[in-house]
Amino acid sequence: MKRILMLAVCYVVVVTTTAQKFDDLKKFIFIPGQEENAKIEIDKIASDPKFQGKAEVWLWKAKVYSLLFKNEKTRSKYPNIEVSANEAYQKYLQLEPNMDLLNKNNLRDIPFDIYQTAFSLGVKTYQAKNWDTSAYYFKMAVVYSDDFYKNKWASSTASMDTTSILYTGIAYQNANKTDEAYAYFSRLTDSAVGGKDFETVYRFVITININRKNEAEVKRYIKVAKKIYPDESWEDYDIDYINKNYSLAEKTALFDKEDAAGNFDENGYLRFGDGFAHLSENDKATLDSTKIAAYQKKAAEAFKKAFGKNPQNAIAAFNVGVIYYNVFGEYDDRTRANIRQLQELNTKKLDEKDPKKRAAFDIKNKPIIDSLKKANADMEKNIMDAIDVSSEWMEKSFAVLKDKANKINSEKNVLNKTVDFLANIYQYKRDKAKGKDQKAYDAFDAKYKQFDALHDKY
């Protein structure tokens, strides 16, 4: 009985001594300018092995150290004091998850002080473009703000401190720490956070997933972004993913499948049309000229269908016209090259004065001459077909834009190019009709003069 009594007495002494120690500590904590004396007291208590397992010790240590962190003078005197403040607070939470002591002693200012100080330092170092340091402080602010929202201490009805999370991500992004930036930005996009400050966050997250070849996430985030920012363009990311991660054969198969299923809107056709019209250098290196030409025509068909979806899309019509104008140009270049070769052969023949040698020259070169003439005759139809299609679609583009009010610069640029192309086309057609069909000649000449007079008028 005496032994038990003695233990009880010892226990009372310990409790009384601990209480006295905290009483001394509290004298300093609540007096401005006495934070360092409070540090001396709490360090004494915390260094005693008897008290290191007590939640109260770590709570008051967190309080003292958060004040030292908050005060600019003591923060400079004790580098990394925020680390000790955070460690003490986290240790307290570990020992007492229900936070009874914190609530009884009205010490919620501990996490708020750490949060506010960390956030303000994050802003200060952000403005100084010290990105790593800024990210460090904003990250700490996020840790504490998450606790506020989890414990329903925040007055906001939001689920997170979007500002701290946003600037943590931006600081990491500016520090070229993409993975870290993504971790914070994706918290925002996963929660469908909206507002003018967050649009670029969605673009960043989508781009990272494109680079990671994560198609499901790309589609998911595009869907969210479209809902929040319906007036912005998000479809380009789809084709960007396809261009970066699909082979040309896979892109072609996907286009044919979606086209057949009727799944494309105007923008879908435009995106694939642009992709087929501008093959990568690697794709060009693996294809012969015939296949490259086939893809140009496939691009034109996609642009035609885009125009079918929206007959006011002058640029889609212009693109069709340009593609076939280039086809015409290629055939015309080949025809002219053949004509030059025929002229060179004829010059060599005329230079030969010996009738026998000239006859031998004719026999030897007849197959070549016949082949060149046939090639030009065959290309004549291709040239006229291409130029007819080009003029048809250039005229459609011109019709849409010529009387449009408030034309933007890109539309003016297209319109100026359109009239120049049409002038060239009708000049070519006119010259082809010369001496053969006067009526056609006059009609083409009138068209030529019409469009030539509009050069640089827009």
Protein backbone atom coordinates (compact mmCIF):
# COMPACT_ATOMS: atom_id res chain seq x y z
CA MET A 1 0.00 0.00 0.00
CA LYS A 2 2.82 2.42 0.86
CA ARG A 3 4.56 1.69 -2.44
CA ILE A 4 1.43 2.49 -4.46
CA LEU A 5 0.90 5.67 -2.48
CA MET A 6 4.46 6.77 -3.14
CA LEU A 7 4.01 6.34 -6.91
CA ALA A 8 0.87 8.46 -6.81
CA VAL A 9 2.71 11.21 -4.99
CA CYS A 10 5.51 11.11 -7.57
CA TYR A 11 2.96 11.41 -10.36
CA VAL A 12 1.43 14.51 -8.78
CA VAL A 13 4.87 16.05 -8.52
CA VAL A 14 5.59 15.42 -12.22
CA VAL A 15 2.27 16.86 -13.34
CA THR A 16 2.70 19.87 -11.13
CA THR A 17 6.22 20.42 -12.40
CA THR A 18 5.06 20.15 -16.05
CA ALA A 19 2.20 22.54 -15.43
CA GLN A 20 4.59 24.99 -13.79
CA LYS A 21 6.92 24.75 -16.79
CA PHE A 22 4.08 25.57 -19.20
CA ASP A 23 2.96 28.43 -16.96
CA ASP A 24 6.43 29.94 -17.25
CA LEU A 25 6.36 29.39 -21.00
CA LYS A 26 2.98 31.03 -21.44
CA LYS A 27 4.20 34.18 -19.72
CA PHE A 28 6.52 34.75 -22.68
CA ILE A 29 4.35 33.43 -25.52
CA PHE A 30 1.67 36.04 -25.13
CA ILE A 31 4.01 39.00 -24.69
CA PRO A 32 5.17 40.59 -27.96
CA GLY A 33 8.94 40.52 -28.35
CA GLN A 34 9.39 37.65 -25.91
CA GLU A 35 9.39 34.88 -28.51
CA GLU A 36 13.06 34.04 -27.97
CA ASN A 37 12.57 33.65 -24.20
CA ALA A 38 9.63 31.39 -24.99
CA LYS A 39 11.94 29.39 -27.26
CA ILE A 40 14.40 28.91 -24.39
CA GLU A 41 11.63 27.59 -22.15
CA ILE A 42 10.07 25.23 -24.67
CA ASP A 43 13.45 23.88 -25.76
CA LYS A 44 14.17 22.98 -22.13
CA ILE A 45 10.88 21.14 -21.81
CA ALA A 46 11.13 19.40 -25.20
CA SER A 47 14.68 18.20 -24.51
CA ASP A 48 13.54 16.33 -21.39
CA PRO A 49 12.95 12.66 -22.35
CA LYS A 50 10.06 12.52 -19.86
CA PHE A 51 8.03 14.98 -21.96
CA GLN A 52 8.88 14.04 -25.52
CA GLY A 53 5.89 11.72 -25.88
CA LYS A 54 3.42 14.35 -24.70
CA ALA A 55 1.24 16.00 -27.32
CA GLU A 56 1.08 19.20 -25.27
CA VAL A 57 4.83 19.71 -25.50
CA TRP A 58 4.79 19.56 -29.30
CA LEU A 59 1.73 21.77 -29.50
CA TRP A 60 3.39 24.55 -27.52
CA LYS A 61 6.65 24.08 -29.37
CA ALA A 62 4.74 24.53 -32.62
CA LYS A 63 3.18 27.67 -31.18
CA VAL A 64 6.54 29.19 -30.19
CA TYR A 65 8.30 28.25 -33.39
CA SER A 66 5.41 29.51 -35.56
CA LEU A 67 5.80 32.89 -33.85
CA LEU A 68 9.55 32.87 -34.53
CA PHE A 69 8.79 32.05 -38.18
CA LYS A 70 6.17 34.79 -38.36
CA ASN A 71 8.51 37.46 -36.99
CA GLU A 72 10.88 38.71 -39.72
CA LYS A 73 13.67 39.48 -37.26
CA THR A 74 13.67 36.06 -35.57
CA ARG A 75 13.09 34.32 -38.88
CA SER A 76 16.36 35.79 -40.11
CA LYS A 77 18.10 34.88 -36.86
CA TYR A 78 16.95 31.26 -36.94
CA PRO A 79 17.27 29.96 -40.54
CA ASN A 80 14.89 27.11 -41.41
CA ILE A 81 12.81 27.81 -38.31
CA GLU A 82 9.75 26.93 -40.41
CA VAL A 83 11.06 23.36 -40.66
CA SER A 84 11.11 23.01 -36.88
CA ALA A 85 7.71 24.69 -36.57
CA ASN A 86 6.22 22.30 -39.11
CA GLU A 87 7.87 19.25 -37.54
CA ALA A 88 6.52 20.20 -34.12
CA TYR A 89 3.00 20.74 -35.43
CA GLN A 90 2.98 17.49 -37.40
CA LYS A 91 4.30 15.63 -34.35
CA TYR A 92 1.47 17.09 -32.28
CA LEU A 93 -1.12 15.94 -34.85
CA GLN A 94 0.43 12.50 -34.83
CA LEU A 95 0.11 12.25 -31.05
CA GLU A 96 -3.35 13.81 -30.84
CA PRO A 97 -5.27 13.53 -34.15
CA ASN A 98 -8.50 14.81 -32.58
CA MET A 99 -6.76 18.11 -31.68
CA ASP A 100 -8.46 18.39 -28.28
CA LEU A 101 -5.63 20.41 -26.73
CA LEU A 102 -5.41 22.72 -29.73
CA ASN A 103 -9.12 23.48 -29.59
CA LYS A 104 -9.25 23.81 -25.77
CA ASN A 105 -6.34 26.25 -25.80
CA ASN A 106 -7.70 28.10 -28.85
CA LEU A 107 -4.44 27.58 -30.75
CA ARG A 108 -5.71 27.40 -34.31
CA ASP A 109 -3.54 30.42 -34.95
CA ILE A 110 -0.55 28.04 -35.13
CA PRO A 111 -1.41 26.58 -38.56
CA PHE A 112 -2.84 29.91 -39.73
CA ASP A 113 0.39 31.75 -38.82
CA ILE A 114 2.50 29.16 -40.61
CA TYR A 115 0.20 29.32 -43.63
CA GLN A 116 0.08 33.10 -43.87
CA THR A 117 3.82 33.53 -43.38
CA ALA A 118 4.64 30.83 -45.91
CA PHE A 119 2.20 32.31 -48.43
CA SER A 120 3.57 35.84 -48.07
CA LEU A 121 7.13 34.55 -48.48
CA GLY A 122 5.99 32.60 -51.51
CA VAL A 123 4.66 35.81 -53.04
CA LYS A 124 7.79 37.77 -52.15
CA THR A 125 10.19 35.22 -53.64
CA TYR A 126 7.87 34.76 -56.65
CA GLN A 127 8.11 38.45 -57.41
CA ALA A 128 11.89 38.16 -57.14
CA LYS A 129 11.74 35.23 -59.59
CA ASN A 130 13.35 32.86 -57.08
CA TRP A 131 11.22 30.03 -58.38
CA ASP A 132 12.51 27.12 -56.28
CA THR A 133 12.22 29.10 -53.04
CA SER A 134 8.81 30.39 -54.02
CA ALA A 135 7.60 26.85 -54.75
CA TYR A 136 8.97 25.72 -51.38
CA TYR A 137 6.92 28.30 -49.47
CA PHE A 138 3.76 27.95 -51.56
CA LYS A 139 3.95 24.19 -51.12
CA MET A 140 4.01 24.69 -47.34
CA ALA A 141 1.04 27.02 -47.62
CA VAL A 142 -0.86 24.31 -49.50
CA VAL A 143 -0.16 21.75 -46.77
CA TYR A 144 -1.72 24.00 -44.14
CA SER A 145 -4.58 25.25 -46.27
CA ASP A 146 -5.49 21.62 -46.98
CA ASP A 147 -5.82 21.12 -43.23
CA PHE A 148 -8.09 24.17 -42.93
CA TYR A 149 -10.47 22.83 -45.53
CA LYS A 150 -10.33 19.29 -44.20
CA ASN A 151 -11.18 20.50 -40.68
CA LYS A 152 -13.74 23.01 -42.01
CA TRP A 153 -11.86 25.95 -40.50
CA ALA A 154 -11.90 27.98 -43.70
CA SER A 155 -14.69 30.48 -44.22
CA SER A 156 -14.75 29.70 -47.96
CA THR A 157 -17.12 27.10 -49.32
CA ALA A 158 -14.43 25.92 -51.77
CA SER A 159 -12.78 22.56 -51.32
CA MET A 160 -9.21 23.83 -51.53
CA ASP A 161 -7.03 26.94 -51.59
CA THR A 162 -6.87 27.27 -55.35
CA THR A 163 -4.58 30.32 -55.24
CA SER A 164 -1.83 28.58 -53.26
CA ILE A 165 -2.07 25.48 -55.43
CA LEU A 166 -2.00 27.56 -58.63
CA TYR A 167 1.10 29.50 -57.63
CA THR A 168 2.89 26.42 -56.38
CA GLY A 169 2.38 24.92 -59.82
CA ILE A 170 3.46 28.09 -61.61
CA ALA A 171 6.61 28.40 -59.49
CA TYR A 172 7.55 24.79 -60.22
CA GLN A 173 6.78 25.31 -63.91
CA ASN A 174 9.02 28.37 -64.01
CA ALA A 175 11.72 26.36 -62.26
CA ASN A 176 11.46 23.80 -65.10
CA LYS A 177 10.19 21.12 -62.70
CA THR A 178 7.42 19.81 -64.89
CA ASP A 179 6.43 16.77 -62.84
CA GLU A 180 6.06 18.84 -59.68
CA ALA A 181 4.07 21.51 -61.53
CA TYR A 182 1.80 18.85 -63.00
CA ALA A 183 1.06 17.41 -59.55
CA TYR A 184 -0.37 20.75 -58.41
CA PHE A 185 -2.03 21.81 -61.66
CA SER A 186 -3.80 18.46 -62.01
CA ARG A 187 -5.36 18.96 -58.57
CA LEU A 188 -7.10 22.00 -60.03
CA THR A 189 -8.16 20.35 -63.27
CA ASP A 190 -9.30 17.19 -61.50
CA SER A 191 -11.61 19.38 -59.41
CA ALA A 192 -12.83 21.27 -62.51
CA VAL A 193 -11.73 24.61 -61.09
CA GLY A 194 -12.75 27.47 -63.38
CA GLY A 195 -11.95 31.14 -63.86
CA LYS A 196 -9.80 33.24 -66.16
CA ASP A 197 -6.61 32.47 -64.21
CA PHE A 198 -6.94 28.73 -64.74
CA GLU A 199 -7.40 28.30 -68.49
CA THR A 200 -3.64 27.98 -69.06
CA VAL A 201 -3.55 25.29 -66.36
CA TYR A 202 -5.82 23.07 -68.46
CA ARG A 203 -3.64 23.69 -71.52
CA PHE A 204 -0.53 22.74 -69.53
CA VAL A 205 -2.07 19.55 -68.15
CA ILE A 206 -3.40 18.49 -71.57
CA THR A 207 -0.02 19.15 -73.20
CA ILE A 208 1.82 17.10 -70.58
CA ASN A 209 -0.53 14.18 -71.16
CA ILE A 210 0.01 14.49 -74.91
CA ASN A 211 3.74 14.23 -74.34
CA ARG A 212 3.20 11.28 -71.99
CA LYS A 213 1.08 9.53 -74.66
CA ASN A 214 -1.83 9.33 -72.23
CA GLU A 215 -4.75 9.57 -74.65
CA ALA A 216 -7.47 8.84 -72.10
CA GLU A 217 -6.35 11.73 -69.91
CA VAL A 218 -6.04 14.05 -72.88
CA LYS A 219 -9.65 13.35 -73.85
CA ARG A 220 -10.84 13.62 -70.25
CA TYR A 221 -9.24 17.00 -69.64
CA ILE A 222 -10.35 18.36 -73.03
CA LYS A 223 -13.93 17.41 -72.13
CA VAL A 224 -13.68 19.24 -68.79
CA ALA A 225 -12.02 22.28 -70.36
CA LYS A 226 -14.69 22.52 -73.09
CA LYS A 227 -17.39 22.61 -70.44
CA ILE A 228 -15.68 25.34 -68.42
CA TYR A 229 -14.36 27.39 -71.37
CA PRO A 230 -16.83 26.72 -74.20
CA ASP A 231 -15.71 29.75 -76.21
CA GLU A 232 -12.08 28.61 -76.40
CA SER A 233 -10.58 26.19 -78.92
CA TRP A 234 -9.62 22.81 -77.46
CA GLU A 235 -9.95 20.56 -80.51
CA ASP A 236 -6.42 21.29 -81.70
CA TYR A 237 -5.10 19.23 -78.81
CA ASP A 238 -6.82 16.14 -80.25
CA ILE A 239 -4.97 16.46 -83.54
CA ASP A 240 -1.78 17.42 -81.72
CA TYR A 241 -1.98 14.14 -79.82
CA ILE A 242 -2.60 12.25 -83.05
CA ASN A 243 0.24 14.01 -84.88
CA LYS A 244 2.72 13.28 -82.10
CA ASN A 245 1.71 9.75 -81.23
CA TYR A 246 0.10 8.18 -84.32
CA SER A 247 1.92 6.96 -87.39
CA LEU A 248 0.71 8.30 -90.73
CA ALA A 249 -0.98 4.97 -91.44
CA GLU A 250 -2.76 5.10 -88.07
CA LYS A 251 -3.87 8.70 -88.69
CA THR A 252 -5.20 7.74 -92.10
CA ALA A 253 -7.10 4.74 -90.73
CA LEU A 254 -8.57 6.85 -87.93
CA PHE A 255 -9.68 9.55 -90.36
CA ASP A 256 -11.32 7.05 -92.69
CA LYS A 257 -13.09 5.35 -89.80
CA GLU A 258 -14.40 8.55 -88.20
CA ASP A 259 -15.32 10.04 -91.57
CA ALA A 260 -17.30 6.96 -92.55
CA ALA A 261 -19.08 7.02 -89.19
CA GLY A 262 -20.00 10.69 -89.63
CA ASN A 263 -18.24 11.69 -86.44
CA PHE A 264 -16.44 14.77 -87.76
CA ASP A 265 -17.62 18.33 -87.41
CA GLU A 266 -16.17 21.24 -89.36
CA ASN A 267 -13.13 21.51 -87.07
CA GLY A 268 -12.44 17.79 -87.22
CA TYR A 269 -12.18 17.92 -91.00
CA LEU A 270 -10.04 21.05 -90.82
CA ARG A 271 -7.60 19.48 -88.38
CA PHE A 272 -7.12 16.31 -90.41
CA GLY A 273 -6.98 18.29 -93.63
CA ASP A 274 -4.16 20.35 -92.20
CA GLY A 275 -2.39 17.20 -91.02
CA PHE A 276 -2.53 15.56 -94.44
CA ALA A 277 -1.56 18.78 -96.22
CA HIS A 278 1.51 19.28 -94.03
CA LEU A 279 3.17 15.90 -93.67
CA SER A 280 6.16 15.67 -91.38
CA GLU A 281 9.62 15.57 -92.89
CA ASN A 282 9.96 12.02 -91.64
CA ASP A 283 6.75 10.98 -93.42
CA LYS A 284 7.85 12.70 -96.62
CA ALA A 285 11.15 10.84 -96.49
CA THR A 286 9.35 7.48 -96.43
CA LEU A 287 6.85 8.23 -99.22
CA ASP A 288 7.29 8.50 -102.96
CA SER A 289 5.92 11.48 -104.89
CA THR A 290 2.78 9.60 -105.92
CA LYS A 291 1.79 8.89 -102.30
CA ILE A 292 2.60 12.43 -101.23
CA ALA A 293 0.33 13.71 -104.00
CA ALA A 294 -2.38 11.31 -102.84
CA TYR A 295 -2.21 12.77 -99.33
CA GLN A 296 -2.50 16.28 -100.75
CA LYS A 297 -5.73 15.25 -102.46
CA LYS A 298 -6.90 13.57 -99.25
CA ALA A 299 -6.30 16.87 -97.48
CA ALA A 300 -8.33 18.66 -100.14
CA GLU A 301 -11.23 16.25 -99.65
CA ALA A 302 -11.15 16.93 -95.90
CA PHE A 303 -11.22 20.70 -96.51
CA LYS A 304 -14.11 20.27 -98.95
CA LYS A 305 -16.08 18.44 -96.26
CA ALA A 306 -15.26 21.17 -93.74
CA PHE A 307 -16.69 23.70 -96.19
CA GLY A 308 -19.71 21.45 -96.58
CA LYS A 309 -20.24 21.69 -92.82
CA ASN A 310 -19.84 25.47 -92.95
CA PRO A 311 -20.22 27.15 -96.38
CA GLN A 312 -18.94 30.41 -94.86
CA ASN A 313 -15.52 28.91 -94.15
CA ALA A 314 -13.60 30.74 -96.85
CA ILE A 315 -10.25 29.45 -95.60
CA ALA A 316 -11.32 25.82 -96.09
CA ALA A 317 -12.31 26.63 -99.69
CA PHE A 318 -9.07 28.55 -100.18
CA ASN A 319 -7.05 25.55 -98.96
CA VAL A 320 -8.72 23.31 -101.56
CA GLY A 321 -7.89 25.86 -104.24
CA VAL A 322 -4.26 26.13 -103.11
CA ILE A 323 -3.76 22.36 -103.10
CA TYR A 324 -5.04 22.02 -106.67
CA TYR A 325 -3.15 25.13 -107.76
CA ASN A 326 0.03 23.42 -106.53
CA VAL A 327 -0.96 20.25 -108.43
CA PHE A 328 -1.38 22.39 -111.54
CA GLY A 329 2.02 23.98 -110.88
CA GLU A 330 3.76 20.63 -110.56
CA TYR A 331 2.27 19.34 -113.83
CA ASP A 332 3.07 22.62 -115.55
CA ASP A 333 6.68 22.49 -114.35
CA ARG A 334 7.02 18.94 -115.66
CA THR A 335 5.48 19.94 -119.00
CA ARG A 336 7.85 22.88 -119.34
CA ALA A 337 10.81 20.64 -118.46
CA ASN A 338 9.75 18.22 -121.21
CA ILE A 339 9.39 21.09 -123.68
CA ARG A 340 12.88 22.30 -122.84
CA GLN A 341 14.23 18.80 -123.42
CA LEU A 342 12.43 18.63 -126.79
CA GLN A 343 13.88 22.01 -127.72
CA GLU A 344 17.38 20.88 -126.78
CA LEU A 345 17.02 17.77 -128.92
CA ASN A 346 15.73 19.84 -131.82
CA THR A 347 18.66 22.25 -131.47
CA LYS A 348 21.12 19.39 -131.57
CA LYS A 349 19.38 18.03 -134.67
CA LEU A 350 19.54 21.38 -136.45
CA ASP A 351 23.20 21.77 -135.54
CA GLU A 352 23.92 18.56 -137.38
CA LYS A 353 24.66 19.46 -141.03
CA ASP A 354 25.24 15.94 -142.33
CA PRO A 355 21.86 14.60 -143.64
CA LYS A 356 22.81 11.02 -142.84
CA LYS A 357 23.78 11.84 -139.28
CA ARG A 358 20.63 13.91 -138.89
CA ALA A 359 18.54 10.94 -140.05
CA ALA A 360 20.39 8.70 -137.63
CA PHE A 361 19.75 11.26 -134.89
CA ASP A 362 16.01 11.14 -135.67
CA ILE A 363 15.94 7.36 -135.49
CA LYS A 364 17.90 7.27 -132.25
CA ASN A 365 15.90 9.97 -130.45
CA LYS A 366 12.42 9.25 -131.83
CA PRO A 367 11.44 7.06 -128.84
CA ILE A 368 12.52 9.82 -126.46
CA ILE A 369 10.72 12.52 -128.42
CA ASP A 370 7.56 10.44 -128.74
CA SER A 371 7.66 9.69 -125.00
CA LEU A 372 8.04 13.37 -124.07
CA LYS A 373 5.21 14.42 -126.38
CA LYS A 374 2.92 11.71 -125.06
CA ALA A 375 3.74 12.65 -121.47
CA ASN A 376 2.83 16.27 -122.18
CA ALA A 377 -0.37 15.27 -123.94
CA ASP A 378 -1.36 13.10 -120.97
CA MET A 379 -0.51 15.86 -118.53
CA GLU A 380 -2.57 18.40 -120.44
CA LYS A 381 -5.79 16.87 -119.12
CA ASN A 382 -4.37 16.65 -115.59
CA ILE A 383 -3.35 20.30 -115.78
CA MET A 384 -6.75 21.46 -116.91
CA ASP A 385 -8.54 19.28 -114.35
CA ALA A 386 -6.39 20.68 -111.54
CA ILE A 387 -6.76 24.28 -112.67
CA ASP A 388 -10.52 23.90 -113.01
CA VAL A 389 -10.86 22.57 -109.46
CA SER A 390 -8.53 25.28 -108.16
CA SER A 391 -10.48 28.10 -109.81
CA GLU A 392 -13.81 26.64 -108.62
CA TRP A 393 -12.74 26.66 -104.97
CA MET A 394 -10.82 29.94 -105.17
CA GLU A 395 -14.01 31.51 -106.52
CA LYS A 396 -15.95 30.08 -103.56
CA SER A 397 -13.46 31.58 -101.14
CA PHE A 398 -13.64 34.93 -102.97
CA ALA A 399 -17.45 34.90 -102.93
CA VAL A 400 -17.53 34.42 -99.15
CA LEU A 401 -14.96 37.10 -98.34
CA LYS A 402 -15.32 39.85 -100.93
CA ASP A 403 -18.32 41.58 -99.32
CA LYS A 404 -17.75 40.48 -95.75
CA ALA A 405 -17.72 43.36 -93.28
CA ASN A 406 -15.02 43.72 -90.63
CA LYS A 407 -12.60 41.26 -92.19
CA ILE A 408 -9.79 40.19 -89.87
CA ASN A 409 -6.18 40.34 -91.07
CA SER A 410 -5.97 36.63 -91.92
CA GLU A 411 -9.10 36.96 -94.08
CA LYS A 412 -7.68 40.00 -95.88
CA ASN A 413 -4.48 38.06 -96.48
CA VAL A 414 -6.42 35.10 -97.92
CA LEU A 415 -8.50 37.40 -100.08
CA ASN A 416 -5.43 39.12 -101.56
CA LYS A 417 -3.84 35.76 -102.31
CA THR A 418 -7.09 34.45 -103.78
CA VAL A 419 -7.41 37.22 -106.36
CA ASP A 420 -3.75 36.78 -107.36
CA PHE A 421 -4.19 33.04 -107.82
CA LEU A 422 -7.36 33.57 -109.85
CA ALA A 423 -5.64 36.17 -112.06
CA ASN A 424 -2.87 33.67 -112.78
CA ILE A 425 -5.34 30.86 -113.46
CA TYR A 426 -7.44 32.86 -115.90
CA GLN A 427 -4.38 34.24 -117.63
CA TYR A 428 -3.21 30.65 -118.17
CA LYS A 429 -6.64 29.57 -119.44
CA ARG A 430 -6.84 32.60 -121.72
CA ASP A 431 -3.45 31.89 -123.24
CA LYS A 432 -4.39 28.24 -123.79
CA ALA A 433 -7.53 29.33 -125.69
CA LYS A 434 -5.69 31.84 -127.85
CA GLY A 435 -6.08 31.07 -131.54
CA LYS A 436 -8.34 28.11 -130.76
CA ASP A 437 -11.54 29.42 -129.20
CA GLN A 438 -12.15 33.18 -129.38
CA LYS A 439 -15.25 33.05 -127.20
CA ALA A 440 -13.38 31.22 -124.43
CA TYR A 441 -10.43 33.55 -124.87
CA ASP A 442 -12.62 36.62 -124.34
CA ALA A 443 -14.34 35.10 -121.30
CA PHE A 444 -11.05 34.16 -119.65
CA ASP A 445 -9.51 37.51 -120.52
CA ALA A 446 -12.39 39.29 -118.79
CA LYS A 447 -11.91 37.12 -115.70
CA TYR A 448 -8.18 37.76 -115.73
CA LYS A 449 -8.71 41.53 -115.89
CA GLN A 450 -11.32 41.38 -113.11
CA PHE A 451 -9.01 39.69 -110.62
CA ASP A 452 -5.80 41.35 -111.76
CA ALA A 453 -7.41 44.72 -111.03
CA LEU A 454 -7.99 43.59 -107.41
CA HIS A 455 -4.31 42.98 -106.69
CA ASP A 456 -3.49 44.31 -103.18
CA LYS A 457 -6.94 45.92 -102.90
CA TYR A 458 -7.78 44.20 -99.62
